[in-house]
C-alpha atoms as a PDB file:
ATOM      1  CA  MET A   1     119.951 124.151 180.449  1.00  0.00           C
ATOM      2  CA  SER A   2     121.187 127.323 179.591  1.00  0.00           C
ATOM      3  CA  ARG A   3     124.482 125.918 178.561  1.00  0.00           C
ATOM      4  CA  VAL A   4     123.005 123.997 175.888  1.00  0.00           C
ATOM      5  CA  ARG A   5     120.502 127.262 174.803  1.00  0.00           C
ATOM      6  CA  LYS A   6     123.692 128.835 174.566  1.00  0.00           C
ATOM      7  CA  ALA A   7     125.286 126.573 171.966  1.00  0.00           C
ATOM      8  CA  PHE A   8     122.165 126.513 169.879  1.00  0.00           C
ATOM      9  CA  THR A   9     122.351 130.197 169.784  1.00  0.00           C
ATOM     10  CA  LEU A  10     125.599 130.237 168.532  1.00  0.00           C
ATOM     11  CA  VAL A  11     124.486 127.857 166.091  1.00  0.00           C
ATOM     12  CA  GLU A  12     122.201 129.705 165.122  1.00  0.00           C
ATOM     13  CA  LEU A  13     124.033 132.658 164.251  1.00  0.00           C
ATOM     14  CA  LEU A  14     126.674 130.719 162.438  1.00  0.00           C
ATOM     15  CA  VAL A  15     123.952 129.583 160.327  1.00  0.00           C
ATOM     16  CA  VAL A  16     122.372 133.203 159.832  1.00  0.00           C
ATOM     17  CA  ILE A  17     125.449 134.004 158.827  1.00  0.00           C
ATOM     18  CA  ALA A  18     126.255 131.555 156.625  1.00  0.00           C
ATOM     19  CA  ILE A  19     122.917 132.441 154.768  1.00  0.00           C
ATOM     20  CA  ILE A  20     123.996 136.183 154.562  1.00  0.00           C
ATOM     21  CA  GLY A  21     127.383 134.963 153.495  1.00  0.00           C
ATOM     22  CA  VAL A  22     125.784 133.120 150.592  1.00  0.00           C
ATOM     23  CA  LEU A  23     122.971 135.973 149.244  1.00  0.00           C
ATOM     24  CA  VAL A  24     125.770 138.208 149.148  1.00  0.00           C
ATOM     25  CA  ALA A  25     127.847 136.132 146.738  1.00  0.00           C
ATOM     26  CA  LEU A  26     124.419 135.558 144.908  1.00  0.00           C
ATOM     27  CA  LEU A  27     123.488 139.379 144.779  1.00  0.00           C
ATOM     28  CA  LEU A  28     126.933 140.745 144.295  1.00  0.00           C
ATOM     29  CA  PRO A  29     126.709 139.179 140.236  1.00  0.00           C
ATOM     30  CA  ALA A  30     123.631 140.336 139.871  1.00  0.00           C
ATOM     31  CA  VAL A  31     124.124 143.513 140.898  1.00  0.00           C
ATOM     32  CA  GLN A  32     127.483 143.743 139.028  1.00  0.00           C
ATOM     33  CA  PHE A  33     125.324 142.748 135.928  1.00  0.00           C
ATOM     34  CA  ALA A  34     122.934 144.981 136.448  1.00  0.00           C
ATOM     35  CA  ARG A  35     125.637 147.769 136.568  1.00  0.00           C
ATOM     36  CA  GLU A  36     126.991 146.706 133.150  1.00  0.00           C
ATOM     37  CA  SER A  37     123.476 146.675 131.475  1.00  0.00           C
ATOM     38  CA  ALA A  38     123.355 150.200 132.093  1.00  0.00           C
ATOM     39  CA  ARG A  39     126.472 151.195 131.342  1.00  0.00           C
ATOM     40  CA  ARG A  40     126.356 149.139 127.870  1.00  0.00           C
ATOM     41  CA  THR A  41     122.795 150.751 127.296  1.00  0.00           C
ATOM     42  CA  LYS A  42     124.790 154.362 127.768  1.00  0.00           C
ATOM     43  CA  CYS A  43     127.808 153.356 125.584  1.00  0.00           C
ATOM     44  CA  GLU A  44     124.788 152.541 123.194  1.00  0.00           C
ATOM     45  CA  ASN A  45     123.259 155.796 123.341  1.00  0.00           C
ATOM     46  CA  ASN A  46     126.610 157.524 122.917  1.00  0.00           C
ATOM     47  CA  LEU A  47     126.988 156.103 119.741  1.00  0.00           C
ATOM     48  CA  ARG A  48     123.468 156.789 118.323  1.00  0.00           C
ATOM     49  CA  GLN A  49     124.069 160.306 119.715  1.00  0.00           C
ATOM     50  CA  VAL A  50     127.176 160.452 117.504  1.00  0.00           C
ATOM     51  CA  VAL A  51     125.273 159.168 114.324  1.00  0.00           C
ATOM     52  CA  LEU A  52     122.591 161.419 114.485  1.00  0.00           C
ATOM     53  CA  ALA A  53     125.172 164.482 114.727  1.00  0.00           C
ATOM     54  CA  LEU A  54     127.159 163.442 111.622  1.00  0.00           C
ATOM     55  CA  HIS A  55     123.730 162.980 109.987  1.00  0.00           C
ATOM     56  CA  ASN A  56     123.487 166.445 111.224  1.00  0.00           C
ATOM     57  CA  PHE A  57     126.642 167.759 109.559  1.00  0.00           C
ATOM     58  CA  GLU A  58     125.611 165.800 106.590  1.00  0.00           C
ATOM     59  CA  GLY A  59     122.543 167.362 105.790  1.00  0.00           C
ATOM     60  CA  THR A  60     123.958 170.751 106.807  1.00  0.00           C
ATOM     61  CA  TYR A  61     126.805 170.607 104.436  1.00  0.00           C
ATOM     62  CA  GLY A  62     126.290 167.577 102.294  1.00  0.00           C
ATOM     63  CA  TYR A  63     128.506 165.593 103.299  1.00  0.00           C
ATOM     64  CA  PHE A  64     130.179 163.411 106.431  1.00  0.00           C
ATOM     65  CA  PRO A  65     132.914 165.164 108.275  1.00  0.00           C
ATOM     66  CA  SER A  66     136.385 163.600 107.351  1.00  0.00           C
ATOM     67  CA  ALA A  67     138.162 161.846 109.789  1.00  0.00           C
ATOM     68  CA  TYR A  68     140.673 164.083 110.718  1.00  0.00           C
ATOM     69  CA  VAL A  69     141.400 167.773 107.969  1.00  0.00           C
ATOM     70  CA  GLY A  70     144.932 168.093 107.776  1.00  0.00           C
ATOM     71  CA  PRO A  71     147.650 168.774 104.633  1.00  0.00           C
ATOM     72  CA  ASN A  72     150.079 166.185 104.286  1.00  0.00           C
ATOM     73  CA  THR A  73     151.211 164.501 107.540  1.00  0.00           C
ATOM     74  CA  ASP A  74     150.415 167.277 109.477  1.00  0.00           C
ATOM     75  CA  PRO A  75     148.175 167.187 112.322  1.00  0.00           C
ATOM     76  CA  GLY A  76     144.461 167.976 111.927  1.00  0.00           C
ATOM     77  CA  TRP A  77     140.993 168.637 113.480  1.00  0.00           C
ATOM     78  CA  GLY A  78     138.957 165.621 114.015  1.00  0.00           C
ATOM     79  CA  TRP A  79     135.388 163.938 113.129  1.00  0.00           C
ATOM     80  CA  GLY A  80     135.001 164.769 116.725  1.00  0.00           C
ATOM     81  CA  THR A  81     135.486 168.480 116.915  1.00  0.00           C
ATOM     82  CA  ALA A  82     133.714 168.998 113.558  1.00  0.00           C
ATOM     83  CA  ILE A  83     130.338 167.291 115.196  1.00  0.00           C
ATOM     84  CA  LEU A  84     130.224 169.360 118.343  1.00  0.00           C
ATOM     85  CA  PRO A  85     127.840 172.060 117.262  1.00  0.00           C
ATOM     86  CA  TYR A  86     125.315 169.357 116.465  1.00  0.00           C
ATOM     87  CA  CYS A  87     125.800 167.350 119.763  1.00  0.00           C
ATOM     88  CA  GLU A  88     125.209 170.712 122.466  1.00  0.00           C
ATOM     89  CA  GLN A  89     129.169 171.610 122.387  1.00  0.00           C
ATOM     90  CA  LYS A  90     129.219 174.632 120.528  1.00  0.00           C
ATOM     91  CA  ASN A  91     130.617 176.531 123.465  1.00  0.00           C
ATOM     92  CA  ILE A  92     133.989 174.335 122.924  1.00  0.00           C
ATOM     93  CA  TYR A  93     133.830 174.381 119.040  1.00  0.00           C
ATOM     94  CA  ASP A  94     133.909 178.180 119.354  1.00  0.00           C
ATOM     95  CA  ALA A  95     136.394 178.251 121.936  1.00  0.00           C
ATOM     96  CA  ALA A  96     138.939 176.179 120.034  1.00  0.00           C
ATOM     97  CA  GLN A  97     138.380 178.808 117.196  1.00  0.00           C
ATOM     98  CA  ILE A  98     138.217 175.682 115.226  1.00  0.00           C
ATOM     99  CA  GLU A  99     137.156 177.359 111.651  1.00  0.00           C
ATOM    100  CA  THR A 100     140.325 179.847 111.758  1.00  0.00           C
ATOM    101  CA  THR A 101     143.204 177.911 113.405  1.00  0.00           C
ATOM    102  CA  VAL A 102     144.579 174.654 112.799  1.00  0.00           C
ATOM    103  CA  PHE A 103     144.763 171.745 115.419  1.00  0.00           C
ATOM    104  CA  GLY A 104     147.624 172.398 117.757  1.00  0.00           C
ATOM    105  CA  GLY A 105     148.289 175.943 116.433  1.00  0.00           C
ATOM    106  CA  GLY A 106     151.255 174.728 113.947  1.00  0.00           C
ATOM    107  CA  ALA A 107     152.863 172.388 116.429  1.00  0.00           C
ATOM    108  CA  ILE A 108     153.950 169.061 115.584  1.00  0.00           C
ATOM    109  CA  PRO A 109     152.599 167.048 117.733  1.00  0.00           C
ATOM    110  CA  ALA A 110     149.879 169.051 118.408  1.00  0.00           C
ATOM    111  CA  LEU A 111     149.467 169.261 122.163  1.00  0.00           C
ATOM    112  CA  PRO A 112     146.614 169.749 124.286  1.00  0.00           C
ATOM    113  CA  THR A 113     144.915 173.011 125.000  1.00  0.00           C
ATOM    114  CA  VAL A 114     142.434 173.921 127.683  1.00  0.00           C
ATOM    115  CA  GLN A 115     139.080 173.181 124.997  1.00  0.00           C
ATOM    116  CA  THR A 116     140.886 169.931 123.474  1.00  0.00           C
ATOM    117  CA  GLU A 117     141.373 168.001 126.869  1.00  0.00           C
ATOM    118  CA  THR A 118     138.432 168.352 128.110  1.00  0.00           C
ATOM    119  CA  LYS A 119     136.045 165.528 129.057  1.00  0.00           C
ATOM    120  CA  LEU A 120     133.191 164.727 126.814  1.00  0.00           C
ATOM    121  CA  SER A 121     130.793 162.600 128.067  1.00  0.00           C
ATOM    122  CA  LEU A 122     129.473 161.592 124.991  1.00  0.00           C
ATOM    123  CA  TYR A 123     132.624 160.093 123.773  1.00  0.00           C
ATOM    124  CA  ARG A 124     133.292 157.855 126.579  1.00  0.00           C
ATOM    125  CA  CYS A 125     132.138 154.339 127.014  1.00  0.00           C
ATOM    126  CA  PRO A 126     130.995 154.247 130.839  1.00  0.00           C
ATOM    127  CA  SER A 127     132.716 150.899 131.216  1.00  0.00           C
ATOM    128  CA  ASP A 128     135.897 151.815 130.380  1.00  0.00           C
ATOM    129  CA  PRO A 129     137.534 153.294 134.025  1.00  0.00           C
ATOM    130  CA  SER A 130     140.625 155.373 131.598  1.00  0.00           C
ATOM    131  CA  PRO A 131     142.051 158.648 132.647  1.00  0.00           C
ATOM    132  CA  ASP A 132     140.004 161.383 131.089  1.00  0.00           C
ATOM    133  CA  LYS A 133     143.142 162.625 129.115  1.00  0.00           C
ATOM    134  CA  ASN A 134     144.781 160.196 127.274  1.00  0.00           C
ATOM    135  CA  PRO A 135     148.142 159.766 128.663  1.00  0.00           C
ATOM    136  CA  ILE A 136     149.583 158.076 125.460  1.00  0.00           C
ATOM    137  CA  ARG A 137     147.748 160.644 123.367  1.00  0.00           C
ATOM    138  CA  LEU A 138     149.019 163.434 124.831  1.00  0.00           C
ATOM    139  CA  TYR A 139     146.620 163.978 127.289  1.00  0.00           C
ATOM    140  CA  HIS A 140     144.234 165.341 125.115  1.00  0.00           C
ATOM    141  CA  GLY A 141     140.739 164.606 125.574  1.00  0.00           C
ATOM    142  CA  THR A 142     140.272 160.604 125.864  1.00  0.00           C
ATOM    143  CA  SER A 143     137.714 159.230 123.246  1.00  0.00           C
ATOM    144  CA  ASN A 144     136.332 155.491 123.237  1.00  0.00           C
ATOM    145  CA  TYR A 145     134.902 155.877 120.359  1.00  0.00           C
ATOM    146  CA  ARG A 146     136.747 155.708 116.694  1.00  0.00           C
ATOM    147  CA  ALA A 147     136.376 156.357 112.722  1.00  0.00           C
ATOM    148  CA  VAL A 148     136.538 153.008 110.659  1.00  0.00           C
ATOM    149  CA  ALA A 149     138.477 154.128 107.935  1.00  0.00           C
ATOM    150  CA  GLY A 150     137.638 151.126 105.899  1.00  0.00           C
ATOM    151  CA  PRO A 151     138.900 147.188 105.168  1.00  0.00           C
ATOM    152  CA  ILE A 152     141.979 148.110 103.880  1.00  0.00           C
ATOM    153  CA  GLU A 153     144.767 147.899 105.718  1.00  0.00           C
ATOM    154  CA  MET A 154     146.408 150.810 107.665  1.00  0.00           C
ATOM    155  CA  TYR A 155     149.811 150.240 108.165  1.00  0.00           C
ATOM    156  CA  THR A 156     151.168 151.706 105.276  1.00  0.00           C
ATOM    157  CA  PHE A 157     149.503 155.657 104.945  1.00  0.00           C
ATOM    158  CA  TYR A 158     149.133 157.290 102.189  1.00  0.00           C
ATOM    159  CA  VAL A 159     147.868 160.759 102.143  1.00  0.00           C
ATOM    160  CA  ASP A 160     144.338 161.628 101.218  1.00  0.00           C
ATOM    161  CA  TYR A 161     144.017 157.477 100.393  1.00  0.00           C
ATOM    162  CA  ASP A 162     140.312 156.354 100.221  1.00  0.00           C
ATOM    163  CA  TYR A 163     140.352 153.208 102.703  1.00  0.00           C
ATOM    164  CA  GLY A 164     137.158 152.136 101.224  1.00  0.00           C
ATOM    165  CA  GLY A 165     134.794 153.481 104.384  1.00  0.00           C
ATOM    166  CA  VAL A 166     132.791 156.713 105.327  1.00  0.00           C
ATOM    167  CA  LEU A 167     135.424 158.685 107.115  1.00  0.00           C
ATOM    168  CA  TYR A 168     139.443 158.673 106.212  1.00  0.00           C
ATOM    169  CA  GLN A 169     141.620 162.085 106.095  1.00  0.00           C
ATOM    170  CA  ASN A 170     140.225 164.857 104.201  1.00  0.00           C
ATOM    171  CA  SER A 171     137.027 162.543 103.096  1.00  0.00           C
ATOM    172  CA  ARG A 172     133.966 164.341 101.829  1.00  0.00           C
ATOM    173  CA  THR A 173     131.638 161.080 101.557  1.00  0.00           C
ATOM    174  CA  ARG A 174     128.120 162.174 100.599  1.00  0.00           C
ATOM    175  CA  MET A 175     125.693 159.779 101.822  1.00  0.00           C
ATOM    176  CA  SER A 176     124.396 158.716  98.173  1.00  0.00           C
ATOM    177  CA  THR A 177     127.827 157.634  97.700  1.00  0.00           C
ATOM    178  CA  ILE A 178     127.419 154.966 100.203  1.00  0.00           C
ATOM    179  CA  THR A 179     125.780 152.247  97.690  1.00  0.00           C
ATOM    180  CA  ASP A 180     126.087 149.270  99.883  1.00  0.00           C
ATOM    181  CA  GLY A 181     123.428 150.595 101.865  1.00  0.00           C
ATOM    182  CA  THR A 182     123.286 152.656 105.131  1.00  0.00           C
ATOM    183  CA  ALA A 183     122.341 149.605 107.430  1.00  0.00           C
ATOM    184  CA  ASN A 184     125.464 147.996 105.785  1.00  0.00           C
ATOM    185  CA  THR A 185     128.060 150.431 106.242  1.00  0.00           C
ATOM    186  CA  LEU A 186     130.212 151.330 109.690  1.00  0.00           C
ATOM    187  CA  LEU A 187     130.968 154.095 111.047  1.00  0.00           C
ATOM    188  CA  ILE A 188     132.337 154.270 114.634  1.00  0.00           C
ATOM    189  CA  GLY A 189     133.278 151.644 116.693  1.00  0.00           C
ATOM    190  CA  GLU A 190     134.443 151.365 120.233  1.00  0.00           C
ATOM    191  CA  CYS A 191     138.624 151.061 120.855  1.00  0.00           C
ATOM    192  CA  MET A 192     139.158 150.750 125.064  1.00  0.00           C
ATOM    193  CA  PHE A 193     142.556 151.456 127.205  1.00  0.00           C
ATOM    194  CA  ASP A 194     144.166 149.464 128.419  1.00  0.00           C
ATOM    195  CA  GLU A 195     148.291 150.162 128.739  1.00  0.00           C
ATOM    196  CA  LYS A 196     149.177 146.967 129.809  1.00  0.00           C
ATOM    197  CA  ILE A 197     148.085 145.136 126.776  1.00  0.00           C
ATOM    198  CA  GLY A 198     148.990 148.100 124.712  1.00  0.00           C
ATOM    199  CA  LYS A 199     145.374 149.548 124.090  1.00  0.00           C
ATOM    200  CA  ARG A 200     145.530 152.981 123.772  1.00  0.00           C
ATOM    201  CA  ALA A 201     141.682 154.227 123.246  1.00  0.00           C
ATOM    202  CA  ALA A 202     141.459 157.832 120.903  1.00  0.00           C
ATOM    203  CA  ILE A 203     141.358 161.241 121.377  1.00  0.00           C
ATOM    204  CA  TRP A 204     138.106 163.273 119.965  1.00  0.00           C
ATOM    205  CA  ALA A 205     140.040 166.373 119.046  1.00  0.00           C
ATOM    206  CA  GLY A 206     142.274 165.275 115.905  1.00  0.00           C
ATOM    207  CA  MET A 207     144.789 163.350 114.786  1.00  0.00           C
ATOM    208  CA  SER A 208     148.090 164.532 116.658  1.00  0.00           C
ATOM    209  CA  GLY A 209     151.135 164.261 114.164  1.00  0.00           C
ATOM    210  CA  MET A 210     153.811 162.626 113.653  1.00  0.00           C
ATOM    211  CA  ARG A 211     155.809 161.022 116.437  1.00  0.00           C
ATOM    212  CA  PRO A 212     157.426 157.657 118.253  1.00  0.00           C
ATOM    213  CA  LEU A 213     155.048 154.804 119.321  1.00  0.00           C
ATOM    214  CA  PRO A 214     155.721 154.272 122.726  1.00  0.00           C
ATOM    215  CA  GLY A 215     159.028 151.650 122.555  1.00  0.00           C
ATOM    216  CA  ASP A 216     159.901 152.710 119.274  1.00  0.00           C
ATOM    217  CA  PRO A 217     162.397 154.969 117.740  1.00  0.00           C
ATOM    218  CA  GLY A 218     161.096 155.401 114.477  1.00  0.00           C
ATOM    219  CA  PRO A 219     157.908 158.210 113.731  1.00  0.00           C
ATOM    220  CA  SER A 220     154.830 156.890 113.051  1.00  0.00           C
ATOM    221  CA  LEU A 221     151.762 159.045 112.187  1.00  0.00           C
ATOM    222  CA  TRP A 222     149.261 158.739 114.880  1.00  0.00           C
ATOM    223  CA  VAL A 223     145.851 158.607 112.875  1.00  0.00           C
ATOM    224  CA  SER A 224     144.668 156.081 115.288  1.00  0.00           C
ATOM    225  CA  ASP A 225     143.648 158.945 117.199  1.00  0.00           C
ATOM    226  CA  VAL A 226     140.756 159.239 115.370  1.00  0.00           C
ATOM    227  CA  MET A 227     140.696 156.695 112.693  1.00  0.00           C
ATOM    228  CA  TRP A 228     141.683 152.952 111.770  1.00  0.00           C
ATOM    229  CA  SER A 229     140.571 150.237 109.338  1.00  0.00           C
ATOM    230  CA  VAL A 230     139.232 147.178 109.709  1.00  0.00           C
ATOM    231  CA  ASP A 231     142.094 144.408 108.680  1.00  0.00           C
ATOM    232  CA  ASN A 232     142.784 141.169 108.740  1.00  0.00           C
ATOM    233  CA  LEU A 233     144.161 141.784 112.315  1.00  0.00           C
ATOM    234  CA  SER A 234     142.056 144.406 113.406  1.00  0.00           C
ATOM    235  CA  ALA A 235     138.935 143.217 112.367  1.00  0.00           C
ATOM    236  CA  ASN A 236     139.171 140.763 115.224  1.00  0.00           C
ATOM    237  CA  VAL A 237     137.358 142.196 117.841  1.00  0.00           C
ATOM    238  CA  ASN A 238     138.631 142.296 121.223  1.00  0.00           C
ATOM    239  CA  GLY A 239     141.927 140.754 119.273  1.00  0.00           C
ATOM    240  CA  PRO A 240     145.397 141.270 120.249  1.00  0.00           C
ATOM    241  CA  ALA A 241     146.004 143.635 117.959  1.00  0.00           C
ATOM    242  CA  PRO A 242     146.603 147.357 119.417  1.00  0.00           C
ATOM    243  CA  GLN A 243     144.513 148.848 117.074  1.00  0.00           C
ATOM    244  CA  ALA A 244     141.802 146.444 117.133  1.00  0.00           C
ATOM    245  CA  PHE A 245     138.076 147.522 117.804  1.00  0.00           C
ATOM    246  CA  SER A 246     137.723 146.581 121.521  1.00  0.00           C
ATOM    247  CA  SER A 247     135.652 147.602 124.471  1.00  0.00           C
ATOM    248  CA  ARG A 248     135.144 146.560 128.213  1.00  0.00           C
ATOM    249  CA  HIS A 249     131.823 145.070 127.664  1.00  0.00           C
ATOM    250  CA  PRO A 250     132.267 141.261 128.195  1.00  0.00           C
ATOM    251  CA  GLY A 251     131.904 139.591 125.197  1.00  0.00           C
ATOM    252  CA  GLY A 252     132.907 142.145 122.370  1.00  0.00           C
ATOM    253  CA  ALA A 253     132.014 145.865 121.229  1.00  0.00           C
ATOM    254  CA  PHE A 254     129.226 147.928 119.695  1.00  0.00           C
ATOM    255  CA  PHE A 255     129.706 149.751 116.374  1.00  0.00           C
ATOM    256  CA  ALA A 256     127.359 152.423 114.810  1.00  0.00           C
ATOM    257  CA  TYR A 257     126.529 152.153 111.150  1.00  0.00           C
ATOM    258  CA  SER A 258     125.407 155.045 108.709  1.00  0.00           C
ATOM    259  CA  ASP A 259     121.873 154.493 109.369  1.00  0.00           C
ATOM    260  CA  GLY A 260     122.145 155.715 112.978  1.00  0.00           C
ATOM    261  CA  SER A 261     121.870 151.899 114.149  1.00  0.00           C
ATOM    262  CA  VAL A 262     124.393 150.404 116.853  1.00  0.00           C
ATOM    263  CA  ARG A 263     124.965 146.847 117.071  1.00  0.00           C
ATOM    264  CA  PHE A 264     127.260 144.275 119.325  1.00  0.00           C
ATOM    265  CA  PHE A 265     129.700 142.485 117.609  1.00  0.00           C
ATOM    266  CA  PHE A 266     131.181 139.406 119.645  1.00  0.00           C
ATOM    267  CA  GLU A 267     134.558 138.864 119.909  1.00  0.00           C
ATOM    268  CA  HIS A 268     134.772 135.501 118.405  1.00  0.00           C
ATOM    269  CA  GLY A 269     132.556 136.147 115.396  1.00  0.00           C
ATOM    270  CA  ASP A 270     133.003 136.191 111.815  1.00  0.00           C
ATOM    271  CA  LYS A 271     135.590 139.048 111.139  1.00  0.00           C
ATOM    272  CA  ASN A 272     134.880 138.637 107.599  1.00  0.00           C
ATOM    273  CA  ILE A 273     131.592 140.413 108.291  1.00  0.00           C
ATOM    274  CA  VAL A 274     133.239 143.338 110.270  1.00  0.00           C
ATOM    275  CA  MET A 275     135.718 143.855 107.101  1.00  0.00           C
ATOM    276  CA  TRP A 276     132.397 143.579 104.838  1.00  0.00           C
ATOM    277  CA  ALA A 277     130.666 146.376 106.567  1.00  0.00           C
ATOM    278  CA  ALA A 278     133.634 148.539 106.770  1.00  0.00           C
ATOM    279  CA  GLY A 279     133.318 149.432 103.091  1.00  0.00           C
ATOM    280  CA  ARG A 280     130.881 151.539 101.416  1.00  0.00           C
ATOM    281  CA  ASP A 281     130.906 150.659  97.833  1.00  0.00           C
ATOM    282  CA  ASP A 282     132.748 147.630  97.507  1.00  0.00           C
ATOM    283  CA  GLY A 283     129.437 145.463  97.073  1.00  0.00           C
ATOM    284  CA  ASN A 284     130.129 143.182  99.896  1.00  0.00           C
ATOM    285  CA  GLN A 285     126.900 143.329 102.602  1.00  0.00           C
ATOM    286  CA  GLN A 286     126.316 141.077 105.460  1.00  0.00           C
END
């Protein structure tokens, strides 16, 4: 009798263990989903705060900051630096002496300083586990948000060229010139870091200047530090293009519009919608 009872107890224990295993297997995806949901909310809020700071800059100066400010192909401070006083980071802005020094102190490429290698959570998507200092971009502080320069291909660079968007080199775009409507015009999009597949994220401090791309002996201008256009390749959200707007969020990436709204673009969606939204005054609207 005792042997039967002992065997029965062992069977009961195995059943309990099996039930616990099933419950854990069911619970883990729910926990992961909840965590990703919280990270998505934080990322979306980051982008709203960024656009609010851009609006405050525009309200002060009468125009949006440039994607970056710099002559010719030289390095220059970026939009992420310009709005620091409007997002509770004026201490970094002042310490870096933004208004009296050039980005990188005149060196080409611009090397990081204590200020420019700082991690700023406002510019980081919490779903992206990339390093705080971007190892592909000279170890300046990583940013997962990049300016949308416009709908025109950017693989050939022209100084001070208007790519049709709101933020590009030395731009001074006024709110009144966004004739497609602020609710139809993009400002910022996500960009993730994944060195294995060539995704390099961005940096918040500025455009670091001229140097070779990884595996390419020729010089390249690293405007993707702070901005990129939405052309036929990069309009494919989470697509294979190195500079395609992308994220670690399952299924797509967030973009922030000029009116402060933030929307999720699905990776298999119509890329024409992304391209139409990149232009400020081309008459193309969603």
